[in-house]
Amino acid sequence: MKVIFQQDVKGHGRKGEVKEVAEGFARNYLLPRKLAVEASQGNMNALKDQKRREQERKKEELEEAQKLAQRLEKLDVVLKAKAGEGGRLFGAVTSKQISQHLKQEYNIKVDKKKIQLDEPIRTLGVTRVPVKLHPKVTATISVQVVEE
């Protein structure tokens, strides 16, 4: 019996996949638990429509990420921090602080996990920081740390 998987079923199929399975397995396990539906013509059309909508959504996300990346590339983020002799900071500038500054000053929401700072910034000056907005889009922002 051909079925369309509604959820991932370990060892049998992934969500959205169309596969041939044993009739007893489908009738007694997959269908009652709503893990799969029978691959009728109507269900196949619904699956195609769902995949098309998913493609459009992914394309929109990519375009939005590219627009945000262009906007971020133009920004010069200036953060103030207390510093001692030789330009060493008391403490450090973290990705969380950069994210909060972007939200407050420029009204841009960027999750702190997307800001790829290997280690916190501990010195005064300009640092180039990559921001991964999408698996295919990475922007680089310029973070300038000045003495308070």
N, C-alpha and C. Protein backbone atom coordinates (compact mmCIF):
# COMPACT_ATOMS: atom_id res chain seq x y z
N MET A 1 0.85 -1.18 0.00
CA MET A 1 0.00 0.00 0.00
C MET A 1 0.89 1.24 0.00
N LYS A 2 0.54 2.21 -0.83
CA LYS A 2 1.29 3.46 -0.90
C LYS A 2 0.74 4.43 0.12
N VAL A 3 1.67 5.05 0.89
CA VAL A 3 1.25 6.03 1.90
C VAL A 3 2.11 7.28 1.80
N ILE A 4 1.57 8.38 2.31
CA ILE A 4 2.31 9.64 2.41
C ILE A 4 2.56 9.85 3.91
N PHE A 5 3.81 9.92 4.30
CA PHE A 5 4.15 10.10 5.71
C PHE A 5 3.84 11.52 6.17
N GLN A 6 3.13 11.65 7.28
CA GLN A 6 2.79 12.94 7.87
C GLN A 6 3.85 13.36 8.90
N GLN A 7 4.57 12.37 9.45
CA GLN A 7 5.63 12.60 10.41
C GLN A 7 6.77 11.66 10.10
N ASP A 8 7.94 11.92 10.67
CA ASP A 8 9.06 11.00 10.51
C ASP A 8 8.76 9.72 11.29
N VAL A 9 8.97 8.56 10.66
CA VAL A 9 8.83 7.27 11.31
C VAL A 9 10.17 6.57 11.15
N LYS A 10 10.85 6.39 12.27
CA LYS A 10 12.21 5.85 12.25
C LYS A 10 12.27 4.51 11.50
N GLY A 11 13.18 4.44 10.56
CA GLY A 11 13.38 3.21 9.80
C GLY A 11 12.41 3.00 8.65
N HIS A 12 11.43 3.90 8.49
CA HIS A 12 10.44 3.68 7.43
C HIS A 12 10.31 4.86 6.47
N GLY A 13 10.30 6.08 6.99
CA GLY A 13 10.16 7.21 6.08
C GLY A 13 10.16 8.54 6.81
N ARG A 14 10.37 9.59 6.03
CA ARG A 14 10.40 10.94 6.57
C ARG A 14 9.12 11.68 6.18
N LYS A 15 8.84 12.77 6.86
CA LYS A 15 7.65 13.56 6.61
C LYS A 15 7.62 14.01 5.14
N GLY A 16 6.47 13.83 4.49
CA GLY A 16 6.30 14.25 3.10
C GLY A 16 6.71 13.21 2.08
N GLU A 17 7.29 12.12 2.52
CA GLU A 17 7.75 11.07 1.62
C GLU A 17 6.59 10.16 1.22
N VAL A 18 6.61 9.67 -0.02
CA VAL A 18 5.62 8.71 -0.50
C VAL A 18 6.33 7.37 -0.64
N LYS A 19 5.82 6.36 0.08
CA LYS A 19 6.48 5.05 0.06
C LYS A 19 5.47 3.92 0.03
N GLU A 20 5.94 2.81 -0.46
CA GLU A 20 5.15 1.57 -0.46
C GLU A 20 5.48 0.83 0.83
N VAL A 21 4.44 0.53 1.64
CA VAL A 21 4.64 -0.21 2.89
C VAL A 21 3.65 -1.38 2.91
N ALA A 22 3.89 -2.31 3.82
CA ALA A 22 2.99 -3.46 3.97
C ALA A 22 1.60 -2.96 4.37
N GLU A 23 0.57 -3.60 3.82
CA GLU A 23 -0.79 -3.15 4.06
C GLU A 23 -1.16 -3.24 5.54
N GLY A 24 -0.77 -4.32 6.20
CA GLY A 24 -1.07 -4.48 7.62
C GLY A 24 -0.40 -3.41 8.46
N PHE A 25 0.85 -3.09 8.14
CA PHE A 25 1.59 -2.05 8.87
C PHE A 25 0.88 -0.70 8.72
N ALA A 26 0.42 -0.42 7.50
CA ALA A 26 -0.26 0.85 7.26
C ALA A 26 -1.59 0.90 8.00
N ARG A 27 -2.41 -0.13 7.85
CA ARG A 27 -3.76 -0.13 8.44
C ARG A 27 -3.75 -0.23 9.97
N ASN A 28 -2.80 -0.98 10.53
CA ASN A 28 -2.80 -1.22 11.97
C ASN A 28 -1.93 -0.25 12.77
N TYR A 29 -0.95 0.36 12.11
CA TYR A 29 -0.03 1.21 12.86
C TYR A 29 -0.01 2.66 12.35
N LEU A 30 0.30 2.85 11.08
CA LEU A 30 0.49 4.20 10.55
C LEU A 30 -0.80 5.02 10.49
N LEU A 31 -1.83 4.47 9.90
CA LEU A 31 -3.08 5.23 9.72
C LEU A 31 -3.79 5.54 11.04
N PRO A 32 -3.95 4.60 11.99
CA PRO A 32 -4.62 4.94 13.24
C PRO A 32 -3.88 5.99 14.07
N ARG A 33 -2.57 6.00 13.99
CA ARG A 33 -1.76 6.97 14.76
C ARG A 33 -1.53 8.27 13.99
N LYS A 34 -2.13 8.37 12.81
CA LYS A 34 -2.02 9.55 11.94
C LYS A 34 -0.56 9.89 11.61
N LEU A 35 0.25 8.84 11.49
CA LEU A 35 1.64 9.02 11.08
C LEU A 35 1.74 9.09 9.56
N ALA A 36 0.69 8.58 8.89
CA ALA A 36 0.68 8.59 7.42
C ALA A 36 -0.78 8.60 6.95
N VAL A 37 -0.96 8.98 5.69
CA VAL A 37 -2.27 8.91 5.05
C VAL A 37 -2.11 8.12 3.75
N GLU A 38 -3.21 7.55 3.29
CA GLU A 38 -3.17 6.78 2.06
C GLU A 38 -2.84 7.71 0.89
N ALA A 39 -2.05 7.22 -0.05
CA ALA A 39 -1.60 8.04 -1.17
C ALA A 39 -2.65 8.08 -2.28
N SER A 40 -3.81 8.65 -1.98
CA SER A 40 -4.86 8.80 -2.98
C SER A 40 -4.53 10.03 -3.84
N GLN A 41 -5.28 10.20 -4.93
CA GLN A 41 -5.02 11.33 -5.83
C GLN A 41 -5.19 12.66 -5.11
N GLY A 42 -6.23 12.79 -4.29
CA GLY A 42 -6.47 14.03 -3.55
C GLY A 42 -5.34 14.34 -2.57
N ASN A 43 -4.88 13.30 -1.87
CA ASN A 43 -3.78 13.50 -0.92
C ASN A 43 -2.47 13.83 -1.63
N MET A 44 -2.26 13.24 -2.80
CA MET A 44 -1.04 13.54 -3.59
C MET A 44 -1.06 15.00 -4.04
N ASN A 45 -2.24 15.49 -4.48
CA ASN A 45 -2.36 16.90 -4.89
C ASN A 45 -2.12 17.83 -3.71
N ALA A 46 -2.65 17.46 -2.55
CA ALA A 46 -2.43 18.27 -1.34
C ALA A 46 -0.96 18.31 -0.98
N LEU A 47 -0.25 17.18 -1.14
CA LEU A 47 1.18 17.12 -0.85
C LEU A 47 1.96 18.03 -1.80
N LYS A 48 1.62 18.00 -3.09
CA LYS A 48 2.29 18.87 -4.06
C LYS A 48 2.08 20.34 -3.72
N ASP A 49 0.85 20.68 -3.34
CA ASP A 49 0.52 22.05 -2.98
C ASP A 49 1.30 22.47 -1.73
N GLN A 50 1.38 21.58 -0.76
CA GLN A 50 2.11 21.87 0.48
C GLN A 50 3.60 22.08 0.19
N LYS A 51 4.17 21.24 -0.66
CA LYS A 51 5.59 21.39 -1.01
C LYS A 51 5.84 22.71 -1.75
N ARG A 52 4.90 23.08 -2.62
CA ARG A 52 5.04 24.34 -3.36
C ARG A 52 5.03 25.53 -2.39
N ARG A 53 4.09 25.51 -1.43
CA ARG A 53 4.01 26.59 -0.44
C ARG A 53 5.28 26.65 0.40
N GLU A 54 5.82 25.50 0.74
CA GLU A 54 7.06 25.43 1.53
C GLU A 54 8.22 26.05 0.75
N GLN A 55 8.29 25.76 -0.55
CA GLN A 55 9.34 26.33 -1.41
C GLN A 55 9.23 27.86 -1.44
N GLU A 56 8.00 28.36 -1.59
CA GLU A 56 7.78 29.81 -1.62
C GLU A 56 8.19 30.45 -0.30
N ARG A 57 7.86 29.81 0.82
CA ARG A 57 8.20 30.33 2.13
C ARG A 57 9.72 30.40 2.31
N LYS A 58 10.41 29.35 1.87
CA LYS A 58 11.88 29.33 1.97
C LYS A 58 12.50 30.42 1.10
N LYS A 59 11.94 30.63 -0.08
CA LYS A 59 12.44 31.67 -0.98
C LYS A 59 12.26 33.05 -0.34
N GLU A 60 11.08 33.27 0.28
CA GLU A 60 10.82 34.54 0.97
C GLU A 60 11.80 34.77 2.11
N GLU A 61 12.06 33.72 2.90
CA GLU A 61 13.01 33.82 4.01
C GLU A 61 14.39 34.20 3.51
N LEU A 62 14.80 33.60 2.40
CA LEU A 62 16.11 33.90 1.83
C LEU A 62 16.19 35.36 1.39
N GLU A 63 15.13 35.84 0.72
CA GLU A 63 15.12 37.23 0.26
C GLU A 63 15.15 38.21 1.44
N GLU A 64 14.39 37.91 2.49
CA GLU A 64 14.39 38.77 3.68
C GLU A 64 15.76 38.79 4.33
N ALA A 65 16.41 37.62 4.41
CA ALA A 65 17.74 37.54 5.00
C ALA A 65 18.75 38.35 4.18
N GLN A 66 18.62 38.32 2.85
CA GLN A 66 19.53 39.08 2.00
C GLN A 66 19.33 40.58 2.18
N LYS A 67 18.07 41.01 2.32
CA LYS A 67 17.81 42.44 2.55
C LYS A 67 18.38 42.89 3.88
N LEU A 68 18.17 42.06 4.92
CA LEU A 68 18.70 42.39 6.24
C LEU A 68 20.22 42.41 6.22
N ALA A 69 20.83 41.51 5.46
CA ALA A 69 22.28 41.46 5.36
C ALA A 69 22.81 42.75 4.74
N GLN A 70 22.16 43.24 3.69
CA GLN A 70 22.59 44.49 3.06
C GLN A 70 22.48 45.65 4.04
N ARG A 71 21.41 45.65 4.83
CA ARG A 71 21.21 46.71 5.82
C ARG A 71 22.28 46.65 6.92
N LEU A 72 22.59 45.43 7.38
CA LEU A 72 23.60 45.27 8.43
C LEU A 72 25.00 45.63 7.95
N GLU A 73 25.31 45.33 6.69
CA GLU A 73 26.64 45.62 6.14
C GLU A 73 26.95 47.12 6.20
N LYS A 74 25.91 47.95 6.08
CA LYS A 74 26.10 49.40 6.06
C LYS A 74 26.28 49.99 7.45
N LEU A 75 25.91 49.24 8.49
CA LEU A 75 25.95 49.77 9.85
C LEU A 75 27.35 49.75 10.46
N ASP A 76 27.61 50.76 11.26
CA ASP A 76 28.80 50.79 12.11
C ASP A 76 28.29 50.82 13.55
N VAL A 77 28.37 49.70 14.22
CA VAL A 77 27.87 49.60 15.59
C VAL A 77 28.94 50.14 16.53
N VAL A 78 28.58 51.14 17.35
CA VAL A 78 29.52 51.74 18.29
C VAL A 78 29.04 51.42 19.70
N LEU A 79 29.87 50.69 20.43
CA LEU A 79 29.55 50.32 21.81
C LEU A 79 30.54 51.00 22.75
N LYS A 80 30.04 51.44 23.90
CA LYS A 80 30.92 52.08 24.89
C LYS A 80 31.17 51.10 26.03
N ALA A 81 32.43 51.07 26.48
CA ALA A 81 32.80 50.18 27.57
C ALA A 81 33.92 50.82 28.38
N LYS A 82 34.01 50.47 29.65
CA LYS A 82 35.08 50.98 30.50
C LYS A 82 36.36 50.24 30.16
N ALA A 83 37.45 51.01 30.07
CA ALA A 83 38.72 50.40 29.70
C ALA A 83 39.83 50.89 30.61
N GLY A 84 40.85 50.07 30.74
CA GLY A 84 42.02 50.42 31.54
C GLY A 84 43.16 50.83 30.63
N GLU A 85 44.36 50.74 31.16
CA GLU A 85 45.54 51.12 30.38
C GLU A 85 45.76 50.12 29.24
N GLY A 86 46.27 50.63 28.14
CA GLY A 86 46.59 49.79 27.00
C GLY A 86 45.38 49.34 26.20
N GLY A 87 44.23 49.94 26.45
CA GLY A 87 43.04 49.61 25.67
C GLY A 87 42.36 48.31 26.06
N ARG A 88 42.73 47.73 27.21
CA ARG A 88 42.07 46.50 27.69
C ARG A 88 40.77 46.88 28.39
N LEU A 89 39.70 46.14 28.08
CA LEU A 89 38.42 46.43 28.68
C LEU A 89 38.30 45.78 30.06
N PHE A 90 37.52 46.43 30.92
CA PHE A 90 37.13 45.80 32.17
C PHE A 90 35.91 44.97 31.82
N GLY A 91 36.08 43.68 31.69
CA GLY A 91 34.99 42.82 31.22
C GLY A 91 35.17 42.60 29.73
N ALA A 92 34.05 42.43 29.03
CA ALA A 92 34.13 42.15 27.59
C ALA A 92 32.81 42.51 26.93
N VAL A 93 32.86 42.66 25.60
CA VAL A 93 31.65 42.90 24.81
C VAL A 93 31.25 41.56 24.22
N THR A 94 30.01 41.13 24.53
CA THR A 94 29.53 39.82 24.09
C THR A 94 28.51 39.95 22.95
N SER A 95 28.16 38.83 22.37
CA SER A 95 27.17 38.82 21.29
C SER A 95 25.81 39.29 21.81
N LYS A 96 25.53 39.04 23.08
CA LYS A 96 24.27 39.49 23.67
C LYS A 96 24.20 41.02 23.68
N GLN A 97 25.30 41.66 24.03
CA GLN A 97 25.34 43.13 24.05
C GLN A 97 25.18 43.70 22.64
N ILE A 98 25.81 43.06 21.67
CA ILE A 98 25.70 43.52 20.28
C ILE A 98 24.25 43.38 19.81
N SER A 99 23.62 42.25 20.14
CA SER A 99 22.23 42.01 19.77
C SER A 99 21.31 43.05 20.40
N GLN A 100 21.50 43.33 21.67
CA GLN A 100 20.68 44.33 22.36
C GLN A 100 20.87 45.72 21.76
N HIS A 101 22.10 46.06 21.43
CA HIS A 101 22.40 47.37 20.83
C HIS A 101 21.71 47.51 19.47
N LEU A 102 21.77 46.47 18.65
CA LEU A 102 21.10 46.51 17.35
C LEU A 102 19.60 46.70 17.51
N LYS A 103 19.03 46.06 18.50
CA LYS A 103 17.58 46.17 18.73
C LYS A 103 17.22 47.58 19.22
N GLN A 104 18.00 48.13 20.15
CA GLN A 104 17.68 49.45 20.72
C GLN A 104 17.94 50.58 19.74
N GLU A 105 19.10 50.58 19.12
CA GLU A 105 19.51 51.71 18.28
C GLU A 105 18.92 51.67 16.87
N TYR A 106 18.86 50.49 16.26
CA TYR A 106 18.47 50.39 14.86
C TYR A 106 17.16 49.64 14.65
N ASN A 107 16.56 49.14 15.74
CA ASN A 107 15.32 48.38 15.68
C ASN A 107 15.44 47.16 14.77
N ILE A 108 16.59 46.47 14.88
CA ILE A 108 16.84 45.26 14.10
C ILE A 108 16.96 44.11 15.09
N LYS A 109 16.10 43.11 14.94
CA LYS A 109 16.16 41.96 15.83
C LYS A 109 17.09 40.91 15.23
N VAL A 110 18.18 40.64 15.93
CA VAL A 110 19.11 39.58 15.53
C VAL A 110 19.37 38.74 16.77
N ASP A 111 19.11 37.46 16.68
CA ASP A 111 19.32 36.57 17.80
C ASP A 111 20.81 36.51 18.14
N LYS A 112 21.12 36.52 19.43
CA LYS A 112 22.53 36.51 19.85
C LYS A 112 23.25 35.25 19.37
N LYS A 113 22.52 34.17 19.15
CA LYS A 113 23.14 32.93 18.68
C LYS A 113 23.59 33.03 17.22
N LYS A 114 23.00 33.97 16.48
CA LYS A 114 23.37 34.14 15.07
C LYS A 114 24.62 35.00 14.92
N ILE A 115 24.97 35.74 15.96
CA ILE A 115 26.18 36.55 15.93
C ILE A 115 27.35 35.64 16.26
N GLN A 116 28.20 35.41 15.28
CA GLN A 116 29.27 34.42 15.41
C GLN A 116 30.55 35.05 15.93
N LEU A 117 30.55 35.29 17.21
CA LEU A 117 31.70 35.87 17.90
C LEU A 117 32.45 34.71 18.55
N ASP A 118 33.67 34.42 18.07
CA ASP A 118 34.42 33.28 18.60
C ASP A 118 34.65 33.42 20.10
N GLU A 119 35.07 34.60 20.49
CA GLU A 119 35.25 34.90 21.90
C GLU A 119 34.90 36.37 22.11
N PRO A 120 34.48 36.75 23.32
CA PRO A 120 34.09 38.15 23.55
C PRO A 120 35.20 39.14 23.21
N ILE A 121 34.80 40.33 22.79
CA ILE A 121 35.75 41.38 22.44
C ILE A 121 36.29 41.98 23.73
N ARG A 122 37.62 42.01 23.89
CA ARG A 122 38.23 42.48 25.14
C ARG A 122 39.12 43.72 24.96
N THR A 123 39.16 44.24 23.72
CA THR A 123 40.01 45.42 23.50
C THR A 123 39.22 46.51 22.79
N LEU A 124 39.74 47.73 22.89
CA LEU A 124 39.14 48.85 22.17
C LEU A 124 39.45 48.71 20.69
N GLY A 125 38.66 49.35 19.86
CA GLY A 125 38.93 49.34 18.43
C GLY A 125 37.79 48.73 17.63
N VAL A 126 38.05 48.50 16.36
CA VAL A 126 37.04 47.99 15.44
C VAL A 126 37.26 46.49 15.23
N THR A 127 36.16 45.75 15.29
CA THR A 127 36.20 44.30 15.07
C THR A 127 35.12 43.94 14.05
N ARG A 128 35.49 43.12 13.09
CA ARG A 128 34.53 42.65 12.09
C ARG A 128 33.89 41.36 12.64
N VAL A 129 32.57 41.36 12.73
CA VAL A 129 31.85 40.23 13.33
C VAL A 129 30.86 39.65 12.30
N PRO A 130 30.99 38.36 11.97
CA PRO A 130 30.04 37.73 11.05
C PRO A 130 28.71 37.43 11.75
N VAL A 131 27.62 37.61 11.01
CA VAL A 131 26.28 37.32 11.52
C VAL A 131 25.62 36.38 10.52
N LYS A 132 25.31 35.16 10.96
CA LYS A 132 24.70 34.17 10.07
C LYS A 132 23.19 34.30 10.15
N LEU A 133 22.59 34.93 9.14
CA LEU A 133 21.16 35.20 9.11
C LEU A 133 20.35 34.05 8.55
N HIS A 134 20.98 33.25 7.70
CA HIS A 134 20.31 32.17 6.98
C HIS A 134 21.42 31.20 6.59
N PRO A 135 21.13 29.93 6.38
CA PRO A 135 22.21 29.01 5.98
C PRO A 135 23.01 29.47 4.76
N LYS A 136 22.39 30.28 3.88
CA LYS A 136 23.08 30.74 2.68
C LYS A 136 23.51 32.20 2.76
N VAL A 137 23.13 32.91 3.85
CA VAL A 137 23.41 34.35 3.94
C VAL A 137 24.16 34.66 5.24
N THR A 138 25.34 35.26 5.08
CA THR A 138 26.12 35.72 6.23
C THR A 138 26.53 37.16 5.99
N ALA A 139 26.18 38.03 6.94
CA ALA A 139 26.57 39.44 6.85
C ALA A 139 27.72 39.68 7.82
N THR A 140 28.50 40.72 7.56
CA THR A 140 29.58 41.08 8.46
C THR A 140 29.35 42.50 8.94
N ILE A 141 29.24 42.65 10.27
CA ILE A 141 29.04 43.99 10.83
C ILE A 141 30.34 44.47 11.45
N SER A 142 30.48 45.79 11.47
CA SER A 142 31.65 46.42 12.05
C SER A 142 31.29 46.90 13.45
N VAL A 143 31.93 46.32 14.45
CA VAL A 143 31.66 46.70 15.84
C VAL A 143 32.86 47.49 16.36
N GLN A 144 32.59 48.75 16.71
CA GLN A 144 33.65 49.62 17.23
C GLN A 144 33.42 49.78 18.73
N VAL A 145 34.43 49.43 19.52
CA VAL A 145 34.34 49.58 20.96
C VAL A 145 35.15 50.82 21.34
N VAL A 146 34.47 51.79 21.98
CA VAL A 146 35.15 53.03 22.40
C VAL A 146 35.11 53.11 23.91
N GLU A 147 36.03 53.91 24.46
CA GLU A 147 36.14 54.06 25.91
C GLU A 147 35.03 54.94 26.42
N GLU A 148 34.45 54.55 27.53
CA GLU A 148 33.33 55.27 28.15
C GLU A 148 33.82 56.55 28.80
